[in-house]
Amino acid sequence: MTAEEIGQITAWLKAAGLDSLELASPRAKLRLRLGAPAPAETGNLAPQPSAAPASIDARATGLFLPAHPWRATPPVQPGQRVQAGEIVGFLRIGPLLQPVTATSDGIVGRCLAAPGKLVGFGTKLFEFSPEGRTP
């Protein structure tokens, strides 16, 4: 990939209001994060503990919907206990609705994404506390 191609991808990200993109292939990996300094390379790739609460993240790019368009209320409320696989929201991808699900048992916290707004892969949609912790 050339510098010009990366520049074009960056311009598209900015125009779409997205802040990150990650592309991977068997031969290469590209990670772009706009507006944030690149993490320092330390050689230690072990995950670092985070003080921030866990979250339920978007697994695709689309318009975030906290409730199904045919329902008046969202499937979950802040503070509600959910099981792994339970629907907590939706992503509209063209004419399709993709459910957003809890990845483990736990408690859903506050909604972090604006309803109806475009979100990218990995965008934090809800605070989430895995079983045993509170958000």
N, C-alpha and C. Protein backbone atom coordinates (compact mmCIF):
# COMPACT_ATOMS: atom_id res chain seq x y z
N MET A 1 0.85 -1.17 0.00
CA MET A 1 0.00 0.00 0.00
C MET A 1 0.90 1.23 0.00
N THR A 2 0.55 2.20 -0.81
CA THR A 2 1.37 3.40 -0.93
C THR A 2 0.92 4.46 0.07
N ALA A 3 1.79 5.44 0.27
CA ALA A 3 1.46 6.56 1.16
C ALA A 3 0.25 7.32 0.64
N GLU A 4 0.12 7.44 -0.68
CA GLU A 4 -1.03 8.13 -1.26
C GLU A 4 -2.32 7.38 -0.96
N GLU A 5 -2.30 6.05 -1.04
CA GLU A 5 -3.48 5.25 -0.74
C GLU A 5 -3.88 5.38 0.74
N ILE A 6 -2.89 5.38 1.61
CA ILE A 6 -3.17 5.55 3.03
C ILE A 6 -3.75 6.94 3.29
N GLY A 7 -3.21 7.95 2.59
CA GLY A 7 -3.75 9.30 2.71
C GLY A 7 -5.20 9.37 2.26
N GLN A 8 -5.55 8.67 1.17
CA GLN A 8 -6.93 8.65 0.68
C GLN A 8 -7.84 7.96 1.69
N ILE A 9 -7.41 6.84 2.26
CA ILE A 9 -8.21 6.13 3.27
C ILE A 9 -8.43 7.04 4.48
N THR A 10 -7.39 7.76 4.88
CA THR A 10 -7.52 8.68 6.00
C THR A 10 -8.55 9.77 5.71
N ALA A 11 -8.53 10.30 4.50
CA ALA A 11 -9.51 11.33 4.11
C ALA A 11 -10.93 10.76 4.15
N TRP A 12 -11.10 9.52 3.69
CA TRP A 12 -12.42 8.89 3.73
C TRP A 12 -12.89 8.70 5.17
N LEU A 13 -11.98 8.30 6.06
CA LEU A 13 -12.34 8.14 7.47
C LEU A 13 -12.84 9.47 8.05
N LYS A 14 -12.08 10.53 7.81
CA LYS A 14 -12.48 11.85 8.31
C LYS A 14 -13.84 12.26 7.76
N ALA A 15 -14.05 12.06 6.46
CA ALA A 15 -15.32 12.45 5.83
C ALA A 15 -16.49 11.65 6.40
N ALA A 16 -16.25 10.41 6.79
CA ALA A 16 -17.32 9.57 7.33
C ALA A 16 -17.51 9.78 8.83
N GLY A 17 -16.63 10.60 9.45
CA GLY A 17 -16.75 10.84 10.89
C GLY A 17 -16.24 9.68 11.73
N LEU A 18 -15.40 8.83 11.16
CA LEU A 18 -14.84 7.69 11.90
C LEU A 18 -13.47 8.05 12.43
N ASP A 19 -13.07 7.40 13.53
CA ASP A 19 -11.77 7.72 14.12
C ASP A 19 -10.75 6.61 14.03
N SER A 20 -11.14 5.43 13.52
CA SER A 20 -10.17 4.36 13.41
C SER A 20 -10.57 3.35 12.35
N LEU A 21 -9.57 2.61 11.87
CA LEU A 21 -9.77 1.56 10.89
C LEU A 21 -8.65 0.56 11.08
N GLU A 22 -8.99 -0.72 11.01
CA GLU A 22 -7.97 -1.75 11.07
C GLU A 22 -8.21 -2.73 9.93
N LEU A 23 -7.18 -2.95 9.12
CA LEU A 23 -7.22 -3.89 8.02
C LEU A 23 -6.15 -4.95 8.27
N ALA A 24 -6.48 -6.20 8.01
CA ALA A 24 -5.50 -7.27 8.21
C ALA A 24 -5.58 -8.26 7.06
N SER A 25 -4.43 -8.76 6.68
CA SER A 25 -4.33 -9.82 5.69
C SER A 25 -3.26 -10.78 6.18
N PRO A 26 -3.10 -11.91 5.53
CA PRO A 26 -2.05 -12.83 5.97
C PRO A 26 -0.65 -12.23 5.91
N ARG A 27 -0.45 -11.22 5.05
CA ARG A 27 0.88 -10.65 4.90
C ARG A 27 1.10 -9.34 5.64
N ALA A 28 0.04 -8.62 5.98
CA ALA A 28 0.23 -7.30 6.56
C ALA A 28 -0.95 -6.90 7.43
N LYS A 29 -0.71 -5.88 8.25
CA LYS A 29 -1.76 -5.33 9.10
C LYS A 29 -1.60 -3.81 9.09
N LEU A 30 -2.72 -3.10 8.93
CA LEU A 30 -2.72 -1.64 8.92
C LEU A 30 -3.73 -1.16 9.95
N ARG A 31 -3.30 -0.29 10.85
CA ARG A 31 -4.19 0.28 11.85
C ARG A 31 -4.04 1.80 11.78
N LEU A 32 -5.17 2.48 11.51
CA LEU A 32 -5.20 3.94 11.47
C LEU A 32 -6.06 4.44 12.62
N ARG A 33 -5.56 5.38 13.39
CA ARG A 33 -6.32 6.03 14.45
C ARG A 33 -6.14 7.53 14.28
N LEU A 34 -7.25 8.22 14.04
CA LEU A 34 -7.19 9.66 13.80
C LEU A 34 -7.32 10.40 15.12
N GLY A 35 -6.51 11.44 15.28
CA GLY A 35 -6.62 12.30 16.46
C GLY A 35 -6.02 11.73 17.72
N ALA A 36 -5.35 10.60 17.66
CA ALA A 36 -4.73 10.01 18.85
C ALA A 36 -3.28 9.69 18.53
N PRO A 37 -2.37 9.95 19.47
CA PRO A 37 -0.98 9.60 19.22
C PRO A 37 -0.82 8.08 19.12
N ALA A 38 0.13 7.65 18.32
CA ALA A 38 0.40 6.22 18.18
C ALA A 38 0.96 5.68 19.49
N PRO A 39 0.58 4.47 19.88
CA PRO A 39 1.12 3.90 21.11
C PRO A 39 2.61 3.62 20.94
N ALA A 40 3.34 3.80 22.02
CA ALA A 40 4.79 3.56 21.98
C ALA A 40 5.04 2.06 21.85
N GLU A 41 6.00 1.71 21.02
CA GLU A 41 6.38 0.30 20.87
C GLU A 41 7.32 -0.05 22.01
N THR A 42 6.89 -0.96 22.86
CA THR A 42 7.71 -1.34 24.01
C THR A 42 8.25 -2.75 23.88
N GLY A 43 7.75 -3.51 22.90
CA GLY A 43 8.18 -4.88 22.78
C GLY A 43 7.35 -5.82 23.63
N ASN A 44 6.61 -5.29 24.59
CA ASN A 44 5.76 -6.10 25.45
C ASN A 44 4.35 -6.01 24.90
N LEU A 45 3.86 -7.10 24.31
CA LEU A 45 2.55 -7.08 23.70
C LEU A 45 1.47 -7.63 24.61
N ALA A 46 1.79 -7.86 25.88
CA ALA A 46 0.78 -8.36 26.83
C ALA A 46 -0.25 -7.28 27.07
N PRO A 47 -1.54 -7.65 27.18
CA PRO A 47 -2.56 -6.65 27.45
C PRO A 47 -2.33 -5.97 28.79
N GLN A 48 -2.56 -4.67 28.81
CA GLN A 48 -2.39 -3.90 30.02
C GLN A 48 -3.74 -3.73 30.71
N PRO A 49 -3.78 -3.80 32.04
CA PRO A 49 -5.06 -3.59 32.71
C PRO A 49 -5.57 -2.18 32.47
N SER A 50 -6.88 -2.06 32.40
CA SER A 50 -7.50 -0.77 32.13
C SER A 50 -8.43 -0.39 33.27
N ALA A 51 -8.42 0.88 33.64
CA ALA A 51 -9.31 1.36 34.69
C ALA A 51 -10.72 1.61 34.13
N ALA A 52 -10.81 1.74 32.81
CA ALA A 52 -12.11 2.01 32.19
C ALA A 52 -12.99 0.76 32.26
N PRO A 53 -14.29 0.96 32.38
CA PRO A 53 -15.17 -0.21 32.40
C PRO A 53 -15.14 -0.93 31.05
N ALA A 54 -15.46 -2.20 31.09
CA ALA A 54 -15.56 -2.97 29.85
C ALA A 54 -16.70 -2.38 29.02
N SER A 55 -16.80 -2.79 27.78
CA SER A 55 -17.85 -2.25 26.93
C SER A 55 -18.34 -3.30 25.95
N ILE A 56 -19.52 -3.03 25.39
CA ILE A 56 -20.03 -3.81 24.26
C ILE A 56 -19.75 -2.95 23.04
N ASP A 57 -19.00 -3.50 22.10
CA ASP A 57 -18.52 -2.74 20.95
C ASP A 57 -19.21 -3.16 19.67
N ALA A 58 -19.22 -2.25 18.70
CA ALA A 58 -19.76 -2.55 17.38
C ALA A 58 -18.85 -3.55 16.68
N ARG A 59 -19.44 -4.54 16.05
CA ARG A 59 -18.66 -5.53 15.31
C ARG A 59 -18.77 -5.32 13.81
N ALA A 60 -19.29 -4.15 13.43
CA ALA A 60 -19.41 -3.77 12.02
C ALA A 60 -19.60 -2.26 11.97
N THR A 61 -19.59 -1.72 10.78
CA THR A 61 -19.88 -0.30 10.58
C THR A 61 -21.34 -0.16 10.18
N GLY A 62 -22.04 0.76 10.81
CA GLY A 62 -23.44 0.98 10.48
C GLY A 62 -24.04 2.07 11.34
N LEU A 63 -25.33 2.31 11.19
CA LEU A 63 -26.04 3.29 12.01
C LEU A 63 -26.49 2.59 13.30
N PHE A 64 -26.14 3.16 14.44
CA PHE A 64 -26.49 2.55 15.72
C PHE A 64 -27.95 2.83 16.08
N LEU A 65 -28.66 1.78 16.42
CA LEU A 65 -30.05 1.88 16.87
C LEU A 65 -30.16 1.19 18.23
N PRO A 66 -30.48 1.92 19.29
CA PRO A 66 -30.61 1.28 20.60
C PRO A 66 -31.86 0.41 20.71
N ALA A 67 -32.82 0.59 19.79
CA ALA A 67 -34.05 -0.21 19.80
C ALA A 67 -34.38 -0.63 18.36
N HIS A 68 -35.10 -1.71 18.23
CA HIS A 68 -35.57 -2.15 16.91
C HIS A 68 -36.54 -1.10 16.39
N PRO A 69 -36.49 -0.78 15.09
CA PRO A 69 -37.38 0.26 14.55
C PRO A 69 -38.87 -0.02 14.74
N TRP A 70 -39.27 -1.27 14.93
CA TRP A 70 -40.67 -1.61 15.11
C TRP A 70 -41.07 -1.69 16.57
N ARG A 71 -40.16 -1.37 17.47
CA ARG A 71 -40.45 -1.45 18.90
C ARG A 71 -40.32 -0.06 19.53
N ALA A 72 -41.12 0.21 20.53
CA ALA A 72 -41.10 1.52 21.20
C ALA A 72 -39.98 1.61 22.24
N THR A 73 -39.56 0.48 22.77
CA THR A 73 -38.55 0.49 23.84
C THR A 73 -37.34 -0.35 23.45
N PRO A 74 -36.16 0.01 23.98
CA PRO A 74 -34.96 -0.77 23.72
C PRO A 74 -35.04 -2.14 24.39
N PRO A 75 -34.28 -3.11 23.89
CA PRO A 75 -34.31 -4.44 24.48
C PRO A 75 -33.70 -4.50 25.88
N VAL A 76 -32.85 -3.52 26.24
CA VAL A 76 -32.24 -3.49 27.57
C VAL A 76 -32.22 -2.06 28.11
N GLN A 77 -32.15 -1.95 29.41
CA GLN A 77 -32.03 -0.66 30.10
C GLN A 77 -30.74 -0.67 30.90
N PRO A 78 -30.16 0.50 31.17
CA PRO A 78 -28.96 0.54 32.01
C PRO A 78 -29.22 -0.14 33.35
N GLY A 79 -28.26 -0.95 33.77
CA GLY A 79 -28.39 -1.67 35.03
C GLY A 79 -29.00 -3.04 34.89
N GLN A 80 -29.44 -3.37 33.68
CA GLN A 80 -30.09 -4.67 33.46
C GLN A 80 -29.05 -5.77 33.29
N ARG A 81 -29.30 -6.92 33.93
CA ARG A 81 -28.44 -8.09 33.77
C ARG A 81 -28.82 -8.80 32.46
N VAL A 82 -27.79 -9.20 31.69
CA VAL A 82 -28.01 -9.90 30.43
C VAL A 82 -27.15 -11.16 30.39
N GLN A 83 -27.52 -12.06 29.51
CA GLN A 83 -26.74 -13.27 29.29
C GLN A 83 -25.98 -13.13 27.98
N ALA A 84 -24.90 -13.89 27.84
CA ALA A 84 -24.12 -13.88 26.60
C ALA A 84 -25.04 -14.19 25.43
N GLY A 85 -24.93 -13.39 24.37
CA GLY A 85 -25.75 -13.58 23.18
C GLY A 85 -27.06 -12.82 23.18
N GLU A 86 -27.42 -12.22 24.30
CA GLU A 86 -28.67 -11.46 24.37
C GLU A 86 -28.53 -10.15 23.59
N ILE A 87 -29.58 -9.79 22.85
CA ILE A 87 -29.57 -8.58 22.03
C ILE A 87 -29.68 -7.34 22.92
N VAL A 88 -28.77 -6.37 22.68
CA VAL A 88 -28.78 -5.13 23.45
C VAL A 88 -29.01 -3.90 22.56
N GLY A 89 -28.95 -4.07 21.25
CA GLY A 89 -29.13 -2.98 20.31
C GLY A 89 -29.01 -3.51 18.89
N PHE A 90 -28.93 -2.58 17.91
CA PHE A 90 -28.88 -2.98 16.51
C PHE A 90 -27.97 -2.04 15.72
N LEU A 91 -27.43 -2.55 14.62
CA LEU A 91 -26.72 -1.74 13.64
C LEU A 91 -27.50 -1.85 12.33
N ARG A 92 -27.84 -0.69 11.74
CA ARG A 92 -28.47 -0.69 10.42
C ARG A 92 -27.34 -0.58 9.39
N ILE A 93 -27.27 -1.61 8.56
CA ILE A 93 -26.26 -1.67 7.51
C ILE A 93 -27.02 -1.75 6.20
N GLY A 94 -27.21 -0.61 5.58
CA GLY A 94 -28.07 -0.56 4.39
C GLY A 94 -29.48 -0.96 4.80
N PRO A 95 -30.10 -1.91 4.09
CA PRO A 95 -31.46 -2.32 4.46
C PRO A 95 -31.49 -3.39 5.56
N LEU A 96 -30.33 -3.83 6.02
CA LEU A 96 -30.26 -4.91 7.00
C LEU A 96 -30.11 -4.38 8.42
N LEU A 97 -30.63 -5.13 9.39
CA LEU A 97 -30.41 -4.86 10.80
C LEU A 97 -29.56 -5.98 11.37
N GLN A 98 -28.42 -5.62 11.95
CA GLN A 98 -27.56 -6.61 12.61
C GLN A 98 -27.72 -6.44 14.11
N PRO A 99 -28.07 -7.50 14.83
CA PRO A 99 -28.19 -7.35 16.28
C PRO A 99 -26.82 -7.14 16.92
N VAL A 100 -26.79 -6.31 17.95
CA VAL A 100 -25.61 -6.15 18.79
C VAL A 100 -25.89 -6.99 20.03
N THR A 101 -24.99 -7.90 20.36
CA THR A 101 -25.24 -8.82 21.46
C THR A 101 -24.18 -8.71 22.55
N ALA A 102 -24.56 -9.10 23.76
CA ALA A 102 -23.61 -9.17 24.87
C ALA A 102 -22.66 -10.32 24.60
N THR A 103 -21.37 -10.10 24.86
CA THR A 103 -20.38 -11.14 24.60
C THR A 103 -20.23 -12.09 25.78
N SER A 104 -20.74 -11.71 26.94
CA SER A 104 -20.70 -12.57 28.11
C SER A 104 -21.84 -12.17 29.05
N ASP A 105 -22.07 -12.96 30.08
CA ASP A 105 -23.06 -12.59 31.08
C ASP A 105 -22.56 -11.37 31.83
N GLY A 106 -23.46 -10.46 32.19
CA GLY A 106 -23.06 -9.28 32.93
C GLY A 106 -24.17 -8.26 33.02
N ILE A 107 -23.77 -7.02 33.32
CA ILE A 107 -24.72 -5.93 33.51
C ILE A 107 -24.42 -4.82 32.50
N VAL A 108 -25.46 -4.42 31.78
CA VAL A 108 -25.33 -3.35 30.79
C VAL A 108 -25.34 -2.01 31.52
N GLY A 109 -24.39 -1.14 31.18
CA GLY A 109 -24.34 0.20 31.75
C GLY A 109 -24.98 1.19 30.80
N ARG A 110 -24.54 2.43 30.86
CA ARG A 110 -25.14 3.48 30.03
C ARG A 110 -24.75 3.32 28.57
N CYS A 111 -25.61 3.84 27.71
CA CYS A 111 -25.37 3.83 26.27
C CYS A 111 -24.31 4.89 25.96
N LEU A 112 -23.29 4.53 25.16
CA LEU A 112 -22.19 5.44 24.85
C LEU A 112 -22.28 6.03 23.45
N ALA A 113 -23.12 5.47 22.59
CA ALA A 113 -23.22 5.93 21.21
C ALA A 113 -24.53 6.67 21.00
N ALA A 114 -24.49 7.67 20.14
CA ALA A 114 -25.70 8.45 19.84
C ALA A 114 -26.62 7.67 18.91
N PRO A 115 -27.89 7.56 19.24
CA PRO A 115 -28.84 6.84 18.39
C PRO A 115 -28.89 7.44 16.98
N GLY A 116 -28.88 6.56 15.97
CA GLY A 116 -28.98 7.00 14.58
C GLY A 116 -27.69 7.48 13.97
N LYS A 117 -26.61 7.49 14.73
CA LYS A 117 -25.32 7.97 14.21
C LYS A 117 -24.49 6.83 13.66
N LEU A 118 -23.65 7.13 12.68
CA LEU A 118 -22.75 6.15 12.09
C LEU A 118 -21.67 5.78 13.09
N VAL A 119 -21.48 4.49 13.30
CA VAL A 119 -20.41 4.00 14.16
C VAL A 119 -19.53 3.05 13.35
N GLY A 120 -18.27 2.98 13.72
CA GLY A 120 -17.33 2.10 13.04
C GLY A 120 -17.07 0.84 13.84
N PHE A 121 -16.41 -0.10 13.22
CA PHE A 121 -16.04 -1.34 13.90
C PHE A 121 -15.24 -1.00 15.15
N GLY A 122 -15.62 -1.58 16.27
CA GLY A 122 -14.90 -1.36 17.52
C GLY A 122 -15.40 -0.18 18.33
N THR A 123 -16.34 0.61 17.82
CA THR A 123 -16.88 1.73 18.57
C THR A 123 -17.58 1.21 19.82
N LYS A 124 -17.31 1.83 20.95
CA LYS A 124 -17.96 1.44 22.21
C LYS A 124 -19.41 1.90 22.18
N LEU A 125 -20.33 0.94 22.32
CA LEU A 125 -21.76 1.25 22.26
C LEU A 125 -22.39 1.34 23.64
N PHE A 126 -22.00 0.46 24.55
CA PHE A 126 -22.54 0.41 25.91
C PHE A 126 -21.42 0.13 26.89
N GLU A 127 -21.49 0.73 28.08
CA GLU A 127 -20.65 0.27 29.17
C GLU A 127 -21.15 -1.12 29.53
N PHE A 128 -20.27 -1.97 30.00
CA PHE A 128 -20.66 -3.34 30.33
C PHE A 128 -19.76 -3.87 31.43
N SER A 129 -20.38 -4.47 32.42
CA SER A 129 -19.62 -5.10 33.50
C SER A 129 -19.85 -6.60 33.43
N PRO A 130 -18.80 -7.35 33.11
CA PRO A 130 -18.95 -8.80 33.10
C PRO A 130 -19.43 -9.30 34.46
N GLU A 131 -20.02 -10.46 34.49
CA GLU A 131 -20.59 -11.06 35.68
C GLU A 131 -19.78 -10.73 36.94
N GLY A 132 -20.45 -10.20 37.96
CA GLY A 132 -19.81 -9.96 39.25
C GLY A 132 -19.36 -8.55 39.51
N ARG A 133 -19.29 -7.68 38.47
CA ARG A 133 -18.90 -6.27 38.66
C ARG A 133 -20.03 -5.37 38.24
N THR A 134 -20.07 -4.14 38.74
CA THR A 134 -21.08 -3.18 38.31
C THR A 134 -20.44 -2.06 37.55
N PRO A 135 -21.13 -1.48 36.54
CA PRO A 135 -20.55 -0.39 35.73
C PRO A 135 -20.38 0.88 36.53
